C-alpha atoms as a PDB file:
ATOM      1  CA  MET A   1     111.928 117.346 100.685  1.00  0.00           C
ATOM      2  CA  ASN A   2     115.208 119.168 101.085  1.00  0.00           C
ATOM      3  CA  ASP A   3     116.001 120.520  97.516  1.00  0.00           C
ATOM      4  CA  GLY A   4     119.562 121.465  98.427  1.00  0.00           C
ATOM      5  CA  VAL A   5     120.569 117.979  99.298  1.00  0.00           C
ATOM      6  CA  LEU A   6     118.725 116.573  96.235  1.00  0.00           C
ATOM      7  CA  PHE A   7     120.518 118.848  93.723  1.00  0.00           C
ATOM      8  CA  LYS A   8     123.971 118.038  95.282  1.00  0.00           C
ATOM      9  CA  ARG A   9     123.109 114.425  94.239  1.00  0.00           C
ATOM     10  CA  SER A  10     124.001 112.848  97.528  1.00  0.00           C
ATOM     11  CA  HIS A  11     121.111 110.557  97.404  1.00  0.00           C
ATOM     12  CA  LEU A  12     120.520 107.202  95.693  1.00  0.00           C
ATOM     13  CA  LEU A  13     124.039 106.155  95.695  1.00  0.00           C
ATOM     14  CA  PRO A  14     124.537 102.451  94.686  1.00  0.00           C
ATOM     15  CA  GLY A  15     125.639 101.367  98.167  1.00  0.00           C
ATOM     16  CA  ASP A  16     122.691 103.200  99.803  1.00  0.00           C
ATOM     17  CA  CYS A  17     119.891 102.058  97.762  1.00  0.00           C
ATOM     18  CA  ARG A  18     118.534  98.971  99.431  1.00  0.00           C
ATOM     19  CA  ALA A  19     114.997  98.490 100.453  1.00  0.00           C
ATOM     20  CA  GLN A  20     114.611  96.861 103.886  1.00  0.00           C
ATOM     21  CA  THR A  21     111.913  94.223 102.796  1.00  0.00           C
ATOM     22  CA  LYS A  22     113.286  91.099 104.609  1.00  0.00           C
ATOM     23  CA  ILE A  23     110.883  89.441 107.117  1.00  0.00           C
ATOM     24  CA  GLU A  24     112.612  86.418 108.810  1.00  0.00           C
ATOM     25  CA  GLY A  25     110.784  83.272 108.428  1.00  0.00           C
ATOM     26  CA  ASP A  26     107.928  84.660 106.190  1.00  0.00           C
ATOM     27  CA  GLU A  27     107.284  82.523 103.160  1.00  0.00           C
ATOM     28  CA  MET A  28     105.044  85.171 101.583  1.00  0.00           C
ATOM     29  CA  ALA A  29     107.730  87.791 101.946  1.00  0.00           C
ATOM     30  CA  ALA A  30     110.280  85.541 100.190  1.00  0.00           C
ATOM     31  CA  GLU A  31     107.741  85.225  97.242  1.00  0.00           C
ATOM     32  CA  ASN A  32     107.338  89.036  96.909  1.00  0.00           C
ATOM     33  CA  LYS A  33     110.804  90.023  97.826  1.00  0.00           C
ATOM     34  CA  VAL A  34     112.438  92.087  95.040  1.00  0.00           C
ATOM     35  CA  ASP A  35     115.796  93.432  94.901  1.00  0.00           C
ATOM     36  CA  LEU A  36     115.377  97.244  94.468  1.00  0.00           C
ATOM     37  CA  GLU A  37     119.148  98.005  94.246  1.00  0.00           C
ATOM     38  CA  ILE A  38     119.143  97.630  90.518  1.00  0.00           C
ATOM     39  CA  ALA A  39     116.091  99.857  89.727  1.00  0.00           C
ATOM     40  CA  LEU A  40     117.390 102.464  92.204  1.00  0.00           C
ATOM     41  CA  ARG A  41     120.687 102.496  90.490  1.00  0.00           C
ATOM     42  CA  LYS A  42     119.201 102.914  87.256  1.00  0.00           C
ATOM     43  CA  PHE A  43     116.816 105.683  88.703  1.00  0.00           C
ATOM     44  CA  HIS A  44     120.058 107.456  89.858  1.00  0.00           C
ATOM     45  CA  GLU A  45     121.596 107.089  86.323  1.00  0.00           C
ATOM     46  CA  LEU A  46     118.501 108.531  84.717  1.00  0.00           C
ATOM     47  CA  GLY A  47     118.608 111.373  87.057  1.00  0.00           C
ATOM     48  CA  GLU A  48     122.132 112.191  86.564  1.00  0.00           C
ATOM     49  CA  ALA A  49     121.492 112.419  82.796  1.00  0.00           C
ATOM     50  CA  ASP A  50     118.335 114.597  83.192  1.00  0.00           C
ATOM     51  CA  GLY A  51     119.904 117.353  85.342  1.00  0.00           C
ATOM     52  CA  ASP A  52     118.442 118.950  88.356  1.00  0.00           C
ATOM     53  CA  LEU A  53     114.762 118.522  87.632  1.00  0.00           C
ATOM     54  CA  GLY A  54     115.147 114.998  86.289  1.00  0.00           C
ATOM     55  CA  TYR A  55     117.258 114.033  89.377  1.00  0.00           C
ATOM     56  CA  ALA A  56     114.426 115.425  91.742  1.00  0.00           C
ATOM     57  CA  TYR A  57     111.699 113.305  89.695  1.00  0.00           C
ATOM     58  CA  TRP A  58     113.643 110.129  89.664  1.00  0.00           C
ATOM     59  CA  TYR A  59     114.562 110.533  93.391  1.00  0.00           C
ATOM     60  CA  GLN A  60     110.929 110.720  94.145  1.00  0.00           C
ATOM     61  CA  VAL A  61     110.242 107.740  91.940  1.00  0.00           C
ATOM     62  CA  GLY A  62     112.741 105.708  93.845  1.00  0.00           C
ATOM     63  CA  ARG A  63     111.392 106.843  97.176  1.00  0.00           C
ATOM     64  CA  LEU A  64     107.885 105.642  96.031  1.00  0.00           C
ATOM     65  CA  LEU A  65     109.275 102.338  95.100  1.00  0.00           C
ATOM     66  CA  GLN A  66     110.963 102.012  98.424  1.00  0.00           C
ATOM     67  CA  ARG A  67     107.813 102.895 100.365  1.00  0.00           C
ATOM     68  CA  ALA A  68     105.829 100.555  98.112  1.00  0.00           C
ATOM     69  CA  ALA A  69     108.220  97.610  99.000  1.00  0.00           C
ATOM     70  CA  GLY A  70     108.071  98.492 102.723  1.00  0.00           C
ATOM     71  CA  MET A  71     104.084  98.513 102.749  1.00  0.00           C
ATOM     72  CA  GLN A  72     104.439  95.148 100.722  1.00  0.00           C
ATOM     73  CA  ALA A  73     106.430  93.632 103.463  1.00  0.00           C
ATOM     74  CA  GLU A  74     104.168  94.947 106.145  1.00  0.00           C
ATOM     75  CA  ILE A  75     101.154  93.402 104.161  1.00  0.00           C
ATOM     76  CA  ASP A  76     102.953  90.110 104.055  1.00  0.00           C
ATOM     77  CA  SER A  77     103.834  90.208 107.839  1.00  0.00           C
ATOM     78  CA  LEU A  78     100.146  90.916 108.774  1.00  0.00           C
ATOM     79  CA  SER A  79      98.827  88.343 106.439  1.00  0.00           C
ATOM     80  CA  LEU A  80     101.105  85.772 108.028  1.00  0.00           C
ATOM     81  CA  GLU A  81      99.970  86.910 111.623  1.00  0.00           C
ATOM     82  CA  LEU A  82      96.476  86.787 110.632  1.00  0.00           C
ATOM     83  CA  GLU A  83      96.890  83.151 109.283  1.00  0.00           C
ATOM     84  CA  MET A  84      98.449  82.199 112.580  1.00  0.00           C
ATOM     85  CA  CYS A  85      95.483  83.619 114.516  1.00  0.00           C
ATOM     86  CA  ARG A  86      93.168  81.998 112.369  1.00  0.00           C
ATOM     87  CA  ALA A  87      94.990  78.636 112.875  1.00  0.00           C
ATOM     88  CA  ALA A  88      95.138  79.250 116.622  1.00  0.00           C
ATOM     89  CA  ARG A  89      91.387  80.128 116.901  1.00  0.00           C
ATOM     90  CA  ARG A  90      90.531  76.806 114.750  1.00  0.00           C
ATOM     91  CA  LYS A  91      92.634  74.732 117.346  1.00  0.00           C
ATOM     92  CA  SER A  92      90.782  76.110 120.143  1.00  0.00           C
ATOM     93  CA  ASP A  93      87.357  75.679 118.687  1.00  0.00           C
END
């Protein structure tokens, strides 16, 4: 973590707070897709109001949320791939 960058408040700007959770053609991903921009914008506002320590805290909470969304997208993708493998195996049996 680069504290100097955090305390200059250069992270979590509204235009920069999009989690990349899209998986093309994956129906399960569409069910679990959440627009994180609103939550991250709110974390940014809370951090601005709380000062340096509050900003560092809310920045980390936002990063955790983004990582969780990325992990969920990966889980959805792997679940779809597993289901396709199972279907292919049933066809070959």
